């Protein structure tokens, strides 16, 4: 990991007229070596735009490569406020920038991502300037160089990146070992939920950040529909803290789940065509624990299943975690799962309070699932009689 540069021994007062630097920078490639050999000073210029800065700015790859191998080169010649490469990095072609960032150690450290002001009120660093100007290729190159970001750089760049839907940049920053502001993470999580940027959501959830009204059901439905099992797991953890995903079982319980299940049966040399028989075979063959069945039940609620499969799952389910049955009811109500709702209400009416049943009925009615709303209304009538007697 790169660290702050040491002071450069070359004085910026050793000035060279700017037009000479420009001339050499814009020369044809074959003249570059001759021009460098003829120069006595290559590290400074009248307005602090060194040959290296100009070479990078104009994407003169040959000049940059030759300079990086020139023993006279000092990378961090500084003006009073900015390093000589500071502005060049923001506008530079990322090919040249990556060349400098991957260069072998020289007499001075790389000044590409140097924070030129240690205090929070100082000017923007290269990293911050690039984010402000939406130069995301530059930001990504600097991130890939494993630069040790400061807190203000993290906050500034995260804020710009998620507002510009640059989720790849957000993810790279989140994966760095830093302490993040939880209020900012909640704001990012809210935006990522709307965009369904699942990798970002998963990374933030790992940091223990949650939202009160996070649309977990909708996101889970979309991830199950796409068979994005990698991002299904963290969403399931919000519904049941110990849910354990078994993709073969989950594929089997779904109405349209075929590929993974068929592959599994083929490897087992077992040929079963009816879906409930497949699920029954899996349940009898594997002693699934309660956490695995929790996940399968939640997946069936959001993705749809058959009545026979729903009955089998509930029959084998021995978990007494009320939150699983409550979330299963709410998901089934939202997605009009008429195959699961009747047996779920019949088997677990004691797990549901009047308030939970009312909430489920409201969800079904809000989504215009009239049959599901009627089923839950009947359960409410049963619960009312229990309360009155």
Protein backbone atom coordinates (compact mmCIF):
# COMPACT_ATOMS: atom_id res chain seq x y z
CA UNK A 1 0.00 0.00 0.00
CA UNK A 2 1.37 3.41 -0.90
CA UNK A 3 2.05 6.00 1.76
CA UNK A 4 2.44 9.76 1.79
CA UNK A 5 5.42 10.90 -0.27
CA UNK A 6 8.69 12.07 1.16
CA UNK A 7 9.67 15.68 0.42
CA UNK A 8 11.17 15.91 -3.04
CA UNK A 9 14.85 17.01 -3.04
CA UNK A 10 14.37 18.95 -6.27
CA UNK A 11 13.53 22.59 -5.68
CA UNK A 12 10.51 23.87 -7.63
CA UNK A 13 12.50 27.07 -8.17
CA UNK A 14 14.53 25.26 -10.82
CA UNK A 15 12.30 26.62 -13.51
CA UNK A 16 12.03 25.65 -17.15
CA UNK A 17 10.09 27.68 -19.66
CA UNK A 18 6.72 26.06 -20.17
CA UNK A 19 6.90 26.11 -23.97
CA UNK A 20 9.89 23.73 -23.91
CA UNK A 21 7.98 21.18 -21.87
CA UNK A 22 5.01 21.48 -24.19
CA UNK A 23 7.21 21.07 -27.26
CA UNK A 24 8.80 17.87 -25.97
CA UNK A 25 5.48 16.50 -24.79
CA UNK A 26 3.86 16.94 -28.20
CA UNK A 27 6.81 15.59 -30.20
CA UNK A 28 6.63 12.46 -32.29
CA UNK A 29 7.40 9.28 -30.33
CA UNK A 30 10.75 8.57 -32.02
CA UNK A 31 12.09 11.97 -30.92
CA UNK A 32 11.13 11.51 -27.28
CA UNK A 33 14.33 9.76 -26.16
CA UNK A 34 16.58 12.29 -27.90
CA UNK A 35 14.66 15.17 -26.33
CA UNK A 36 14.92 13.73 -22.84
CA UNK A 37 18.62 13.06 -23.14
CA UNK A 38 19.20 16.68 -24.14
CA UNK A 39 17.31 18.07 -21.15
CA UNK A 40 19.13 18.95 -17.94
CA UNK A 41 16.00 19.58 -15.85
CA UNK A 42 12.91 17.38 -16.19
CA UNK A 43 11.23 17.87 -12.81
CA UNK A 44 9.95 21.43 -12.75
CA UNK A 45 8.51 24.13 -14.94
CA UNK A 46 7.52 27.76 -14.70
CA UNK A 47 3.93 26.96 -13.66
CA UNK A 48 4.61 23.56 -12.07
CA UNK A 49 3.43 21.47 -15.05
CA UNK A 50 6.31 19.01 -15.32
CA UNK A 51 7.01 16.78 -18.28
CA UNK A 52 5.36 13.90 -16.45
CA UNK A 53 2.21 15.95 -15.83
CA UNK A 54 1.97 17.06 -19.43
CA UNK A 55 2.81 13.62 -20.79
CA UNK A 56 -0.02 12.10 -18.80
CA UNK A 57 -2.40 14.89 -19.67
CA UNK A 58 -1.79 14.38 -23.39
CA UNK A 59 -1.72 10.56 -23.11
CA UNK A 60 1.84 10.44 -24.42
CA UNK A 61 2.46 6.86 -23.26
CA UNK A 62 6.01 6.61 -24.63
CA UNK A 63 7.09 9.80 -22.86
CA UNK A 64 5.55 8.63 -19.57
CA UNK A 65 7.24 5.23 -19.84
CA UNK A 66 10.64 6.79 -20.58
CA UNK A 67 10.29 9.26 -17.73
CA UNK A 68 9.42 6.51 -15.26
CA UNK A 69 12.70 4.80 -16.16
CA UNK A 70 14.74 8.00 -15.97
CA UNK A 71 16.78 8.04 -12.71
CA UNK A 72 16.55 11.85 -12.59
CA UNK A 73 12.77 11.81 -12.20
CA UNK A 74 11.12 12.95 -8.97
CA UNK A 75 7.40 12.30 -8.92
CA UNK A 76 6.20 14.64 -6.24
CA UNK A 77 7.52 18.06 -7.16
CA UNK A 78 5.07 20.40 -5.44
CA UNK A 79 3.74 23.87 -5.92
CA UNK A 80 2.42 25.76 -2.86
CA UNK A 81 -1.00 24.05 -3.06
CA UNK A 82 -0.96 21.13 -5.47
CA UNK A 83 1.47 18.48 -6.59
CA UNK A 84 2.65 18.84 -10.15
CA UNK A 85 0.52 15.86 -11.20
CA UNK A 86 -2.58 16.78 -9.21
CA UNK A 87 -4.72 18.23 -12.00
CA UNK A 88 -3.25 15.93 -14.62
CA UNK A 89 -4.55 12.91 -12.69
CA UNK A 90 -8.11 14.17 -12.83
CA UNK A 91 -8.17 14.70 -16.57
CA UNK A 92 -5.58 12.11 -17.53
CA UNK A 93 -6.25 9.06 -19.67
CA UNK A 94 -6.44 6.15 -17.23
CA UNK A 95 -3.89 4.14 -19.24
CA UNK A 96 -1.15 6.62 -18.33
CA UNK A 97 -2.42 6.92 -14.79
CA UNK A 98 -2.24 3.16 -14.28
CA UNK A 99 1.30 3.19 -15.70
CA UNK A 100 2.40 5.61 -12.98
CA UNK A 101 0.49 3.84 -10.22
CA UNK A 102 2.11 0.51 -11.11
CA UNK A 103 5.61 1.97 -11.55
CA UNK A 104 8.49 0.49 -9.52
CA UNK A 105 9.63 2.46 -6.45
CA UNK A 106 11.55 5.59 -7.40
CA UNK A 107 13.47 8.13 -5.37
CA UNK A 108 10.20 9.84 -4.42
CA UNK A 109 6.88 8.16 -3.81
CA UNK A 110 4.03 8.48 -6.27
CA UNK A 111 2.21 11.74 -5.90
CA UNK A 112 -0.88 10.72 -7.88
CA UNK A 113 -3.36 10.34 -5.04
CA UNK A 114 -1.51 12.46 -2.50
CA UNK A 115 -3.62 14.37 -0.03
CA UNK A 116 -1.92 17.74 -0.17
CA UNK A 117 -3.78 19.09 2.86
CA UNK A 118 -3.88 17.02 6.01
CA UNK A 119 -6.66 19.07 7.58
CA UNK A 120 -10.32 18.65 6.69
CA UNK A 121 -10.61 22.21 5.43
CA UNK A 122 -7.85 21.90 2.86
CA UNK A 123 -8.31 21.72 -0.91
CA UNK A 124 -9.76 18.61 -2.52
CA UNK A 125 -7.39 15.73 -3.12
CA UNK A 126 -6.97 14.19 -6.56
CA UNK A 127 -9.36 11.43 -5.49
CA UNK A 128 -12.01 13.92 -4.40
CA UNK A 129 -11.58 16.11 -7.49
CA UNK A 130 -12.05 13.11 -9.77
CA UNK A 131 -15.27 12.15 -7.96
CA UNK A 132 -16.58 15.72 -8.08
CA UNK A 133 -16.00 15.87 -11.85
CA UNK A 134 -17.47 12.38 -12.45
CA UNK A 135 -14.11 11.04 -13.65
CA UNK A 136 -15.01 7.55 -12.49
CA UNK A 137 -12.31 5.78 -14.50
CA UNK A 138 -9.75 7.83 -12.60
CA UNK A 139 -11.43 7.06 -9.27
CA UNK A 140 -11.43 3.36 -10.10
CA UNK A 141 -7.74 3.41 -11.08
CA UNK A 142 -6.85 5.08 -7.79
CA UNK A 143 -8.97 2.58 -5.85
CA UNK A 144 -7.28 -0.32 -7.62
CA UNK A 145 -3.91 1.06 -6.53
CA UNK A 146 -4.87 0.25 -2.89
CA UNK A 147 -4.39 3.82 -1.77
CA UNK A 148 -5.14 4.31 1.91
CA UNK A 149 -8.16 6.62 1.77
CA UNK A 150 -8.82 9.28 4.35
CA UNK A 151 -12.18 9.66 6.03
CA UNK A 152 -13.12 12.81 4.12
CA UNK A 153 -12.19 11.14 0.81
CA UNK A 154 -14.43 8.17 1.62
CA UNK A 155 -17.40 10.32 2.63
CA UNK A 156 -17.06 12.66 -0.35
CA UNK A 157 -16.59 9.93 -2.97
CA UNK A 158 -19.31 7.64 -1.63
CA UNK A 159 -21.77 10.53 -1.66
CA UNK A 160 -20.96 11.44 -5.26
CA UNK A 161 -20.82 7.85 -6.47
CA UNK A 162 -24.19 6.64 -5.22
CA UNK A 163 -25.96 9.79 -6.37
CA UNK A 164 -24.55 9.09 -9.85
CA UNK A 165 -25.50 5.38 -9.65
CA UNK A 166 -21.84 4.37 -9.78
CA UNK A 167 -22.48 1.20 -7.79
CA UNK A 168 -19.23 -0.49 -8.82
CA UNK A 169 -17.27 2.40 -7.24
CA UNK A 170 -19.47 2.30 -4.12
CA UNK A 171 -18.87 -1.45 -3.78
CA UNK A 172 -15.08 -1.11 -4.12
CA UNK A 173 -14.99 1.52 -1.37
CA UNK A 174 -17.29 -0.47 0.93
CA UNK A 175 -15.03 -3.51 0.64
CA UNK A 176 -12.10 -1.54 2.05
CA UNK A 177 -11.34 -1.96 5.72
CA UNK A 178 -12.65 1.36 7.00
CA UNK A 179 -15.05 2.64 9.61
CA UNK A 180 -18.06 4.03 7.73
CA UNK A 181 -20.66 6.53 8.85
CA UNK A 182 -23.84 4.51 9.48
CA UNK A 183 -26.15 7.39 8.59
CA UNK A 184 -24.48 7.62 5.18
CA UNK A 185 -24.66 3.83 4.78
CA UNK A 186 -28.40 3.91 5.50
CA UNK A 187 -28.85 6.57 2.82
CA UNK A 188 -26.85 4.45 0.35
CA UNK A 189 -28.82 1.34 1.33
CA UNK A 190 -32.07 3.17 0.63
CA UNK A 191 -30.85 4.16 -2.85
CA UNK A 192 -29.37 0.72 -3.55
CA UNK A 193 -32.69 -0.90 -2.59
CA UNK A 194 -34.53 1.16 -5.20
CA UNK A 195 -31.94 0.30 -7.85
CA UNK A 196 -31.67 -3.31 -6.61
CA UNK A 197 -27.90 -3.10 -6.51
CA UNK A 198 -27.65 -6.40 -4.67
CA UNK A 199 -23.87 -6.55 -4.16
CA UNK A 200 -23.91 -3.14 -2.48
CA UNK A 201 -26.93 -4.13 -0.37
CA UNK A 202 -25.19 -7.34 0.76
CA UNK A 203 -22.00 -5.48 1.67
CA UNK A 204 -23.90 -2.91 3.76
CA UNK A 205 -25.97 -5.61 5.49
CA UNK A 206 -22.71 -7.31 6.52
CA UNK A 207 -21.84 -4.11 8.37
CA UNK A 208 -24.98 -4.45 10.49
CA UNK A 209 -26.88 -1.53 8.92
CA UNK A 210 -30.65 -1.94 8.48
CA UNK A 211 -33.61 0.10 7.23
CA UNK A 212 -37.01 0.16 8.90
CA UNK A 213 -39.02 0.07 5.69
CA UNK A 214 -36.67 -1.79 3.41
CA UNK A 215 -38.63 -3.47 0.56
CA UNK A 216 -37.21 -6.92 1.31
CA UNK A 217 -40.20 -8.79 -0.15
CA UNK A 218 -40.00 -7.10 -3.54
CA UNK A 219 -36.25 -7.50 -3.74
CA UNK A 220 -36.43 -11.15 -2.71
CA UNK A 221 -39.12 -11.81 -5.33
CA UNK A 222 -36.95 -10.32 -8.08
CA UNK A 223 -33.81 -12.17 -6.99
CA UNK A 224 -35.70 -15.50 -6.81
CA UNK A 225 -37.27 -14.89 -10.20
CA UNK A 226 -33.77 -14.30 -11.66
CA UNK A 227 -32.39 -17.27 -9.71
CA UNK A 228 -29.78 -14.95 -8.23
CA UNK A 229 -29.16 -17.26 -5.27
CA UNK A 230 -25.95 -15.45 -4.23
CA UNK A 231 -27.95 -12.34 -3.39
CA UNK A 232 -30.99 -14.22 -2.09
CA UNK A 233 -29.09 -15.40 1.00
CA UNK A 234 -28.45 -11.97 2.61
CA UNK A 235 -32.08 -10.96 1.99
CA UNK A 236 -33.30 -14.14 3.67
CA UNK A 237 -31.18 -13.26 6.71
CA UNK A 238 -33.38 -10.19 7.22
CA UNK A 239 -36.47 -12.41 7.43
CA UNK A 240 -34.95 -15.22 9.46
CA UNK A 241 -31.58 -14.65 11.09
CA UNK A 242 -30.54 -18.30 10.76
CA UNK A 243 -32.11 -19.22 7.40
CA UNK A 244 -29.79 -21.56 5.49
CA UNK A 245 -30.16 -21.63 1.72
CA UNK A 246 -30.14 -24.98 -0.11
CA UNK A 247 -30.53 -24.16 -3.81
CA UNK A 248 -31.49 -27.72 -4.82
CA UNK A 249 -34.39 -27.81 -2.36
CA UNK A 250 -35.45 -24.26 -3.21
CA UNK A 251 -35.47 -25.01 -6.94
CA UNK A 252 -37.55 -28.10 -6.23
CA UNK A 253 -40.24 -26.30 -4.21
CA UNK A 254 -40.74 -23.56 -6.80
CA UNK A 255 -43.42 -23.98 -9.46
CA UNK A 256 -41.00 -23.42 -12.30
CA UNK A 257 -37.81 -24.72 -10.72
CA UNK A 258 -36.19 -27.27 -13.00
CA UNK A 259 -32.54 -26.88 -13.98
CA UNK A 260 -30.71 -27.41 -10.67
CA UNK A 261 -33.19 -30.07 -9.51
CA UNK A 262 -33.00 -32.04 -12.75
CA UNK A 263 -29.22 -31.95 -12.66
CA UNK A 264 -29.22 -33.20 -9.07
CA UNK A 265 -31.60 -36.09 -9.86
CA UNK A 266 -29.54 -37.06 -12.88
CA UNK A 267 -26.41 -37.26 -10.74
CA UNK A 268 -28.37 -39.39 -8.26
CA UNK A 269 -29.64 -41.67 -11.04
CA UNK A 270 -33.19 -40.98 -9.87
CA UNK A 271 -35.98 -40.25 -12.34
CA UNK A 272 -39.04 -38.51 -10.89
CA UNK A 273 -41.37 -36.30 -12.90
CA UNK A 274 -43.93 -35.06 -10.35
CA UNK A 275 -42.69 -32.07 -8.40
CA UNK A 276 -44.15 -33.11 -5.04
CA UNK A 277 -42.45 -36.50 -5.40
CA UNK A 278 -39.14 -34.75 -6.04
CA UNK A 279 -39.56 -32.62 -2.91
CA UNK A 280 -40.62 -35.66 -0.90
CA UNK A 281 -37.53 -37.55 -2.11
CA UNK A 282 -35.26 -34.66 -1.07
CA UNK A 283 -36.93 -34.24 2.33
CA UNK A 284 -36.66 -37.97 3.08
CA UNK A 285 -33.14 -38.36 1.71
CA UNK A 286 -31.65 -35.33 3.48
CA UNK A 287 -32.25 -34.60 7.12
CA UNK A 288 -32.65 -30.87 6.56
CA UNK A 289 -32.41 -28.80 9.71
CA UNK A 290 -34.97 -26.17 10.65
CA UNK A 291 -32.87 -23.34 9.19
CA UNK A 292 -32.84 -24.95 5.72
CA UNK A 293 -36.59 -25.53 5.85
CA UNK A 294 -37.07 -21.93 6.98
CA UNK A 295 -35.35 -20.74 3.80
CA UNK A 296 -37.33 -23.16 1.58
CA UNK A 297 -40.63 -22.01 3.12
CA UNK A 298 -39.82 -18.32 2.59
CA UNK A 299 -38.71 -19.01 -1.01
CA UNK A 300 -41.94 -20.93 -1.66
CA UNK A 301 -43.97 -18.03 -0.25
CA UNK A 302 -42.41 -15.44 -2.52
CA UNK A 303 -41.76 -17.58 -5.61
CA UNK A 304 -44.90 -19.73 -5.73
CA UNK A 305 -45.34 -23.46 -5.23
CA UNK A 306 -48.00 -26.18 -5.50
CA UNK A 307 -50.52 -27.16 -2.82
CA UNK A 308 -48.95 -30.60 -2.46
CA UNK A 309 -45.45 -29.17 -2.03
CA UNK A 310 -46.70 -26.56 0.45
CA UNK A 311 -48.33 -29.32 2.49
CA UNK A 312 -45.11 -31.35 2.48
CA UNK A 313 -43.00 -28.41 3.63
CA UNK A 314 -45.35 -27.58 6.48
CA UNK A 315 -45.55 -31.26 7.48
CA UNK A 316 -41.77 -31.60 7.76
CA UNK A 317 -41.27 -28.19 9.34
CA UNK A 318 -40.62 -28.46 13.08
CA UNK A 319 -39.33 -24.97 13.76
CA UNK A 320 -41.19 -22.90 16.33
CA UNK A 321 -39.68 -19.60 15.23
CA UNK A 322 -42.82 -17.46 14.93
CA UNK A 323 -41.04 -14.83 12.85
CA UNK A 324 -40.60 -17.36 10.01
CA UNK A 325 -44.32 -18.13 9.86
CA UNK A 326 -45.24 -14.46 10.18
CA UNK A 327 -42.93 -13.45 7.31
CA UNK A 328 -44.13 -16.43 5.24
CA UNK A 329 -47.72 -15.26 5.71
CA UNK A 330 -46.93 -11.66 4.76
CA UNK A 331 -44.97 -12.71 1.66
CA UNK A 332 -47.65 -15.18 0.56
CA UNK A 333 -50.29 -12.45 1.00
CA UNK A 334 -48.30 -9.97 -1.07
CA UNK A 335 -47.72 -12.45 -3.90
CA UNK A 336 -51.19 -14.05 -3.89
CA UNK A 337 -49.85 -17.47 -3.03
CA UNK A 338 -53.16 -19.33 -2.85
CA UNK A 339 -51.39 -22.70 -2.88
CA UNK A 340 -49.60 -21.99 0.42
CA UNK A 341 -52.01 -19.72 2.29
CA UNK A 342 -54.80 -22.23 3.16
CA UNK A 343 -52.51 -24.81 4.82
CA UNK A 344 -50.36 -22.10 6.38
CA UNK A 345 -53.39 -20.52 8.06
CA UNK A 346 -54.84 -23.89 9.05
CA UNK A 347 -51.62 -25.23 10.59
CA UNK A 348 -50.34 -22.07 12.24
CA UNK A 349 -53.34 -19.95 13.16
CA UNK A 350 -52.08 -19.97 16.77
CA UNK A 351 -48.85 -18.25 15.66
CA UNK A 352 -50.72 -15.24 14.31
CA UNK A 353 -52.09 -12.43 16.39
CA UNK A 354 -55.13 -10.46 15.28
CA UNK A 355 -52.79 -7.60 14.37
CA UNK A 356 -50.61 -9.79 12.11
CA UNK A 357 -53.65 -11.23 10.34
CA UNK A 358 -55.05 -7.75 9.82
CA UNK A 359 -51.72 -6.64 8.36
CA UNK A 360 -51.68 -9.63 5.99
CA UNK A 361 -55.23 -8.91 4.86
CA UNK A 362 -54.35 -5.26 4.25
CA UNK A 363 -51.33 -6.30 2.14
CA UNK A 364 -53.46 -8.68 0.05
CA UNK A 365 -56.18 -6.08 -0.46
CA UNK A 366 -53.66 -3.35 -1.27
CA UNK A 367 -52.24 -5.56 -4.03
CA UNK A 368 -55.79 -6.41 -5.21
CA UNK A 369 -55.48 -10.09 -4.36
CA UNK A 370 -59.15 -10.54 -3.44
CA UNK A 371 -59.08 -14.33 -2.96
CA UNK A 372 -56.09 -14.10 -0.62
CA UNK A 373 -57.81 -11.26 1.29
CA UNK A 374 -60.94 -13.46 1.68
CA UNK A 375 -58.92 -16.39 3.04
CA UNK A 376 -57.23 -14.18 5.62
CA UNK A 377 -60.57 -12.58 6.53
CA UNK A 378 -61.90 -16.03 7.45
CA UNK A 379 -58.86 -16.58 9.64
CA UNK A 380 -59.59 -13.23 11.27
CA UNK A 381 -63.12 -14.39 12.03
CA UNK A 382 -61.73 -17.53 13.70
CA UNK A 383 -59.29 -15.42 15.71
CA UNK A 384 -62.12 -13.05 16.72
CA UNK A 385 -64.16 -15.97 18.06
CA UNK A 386 -61.14 -17.16 20.06
CA UNK A 387 -60.71 -13.72 21.57
CA UNK A 388 -64.40 -13.36 22.44
CA UNK A 389 -64.64 -16.81 24.05
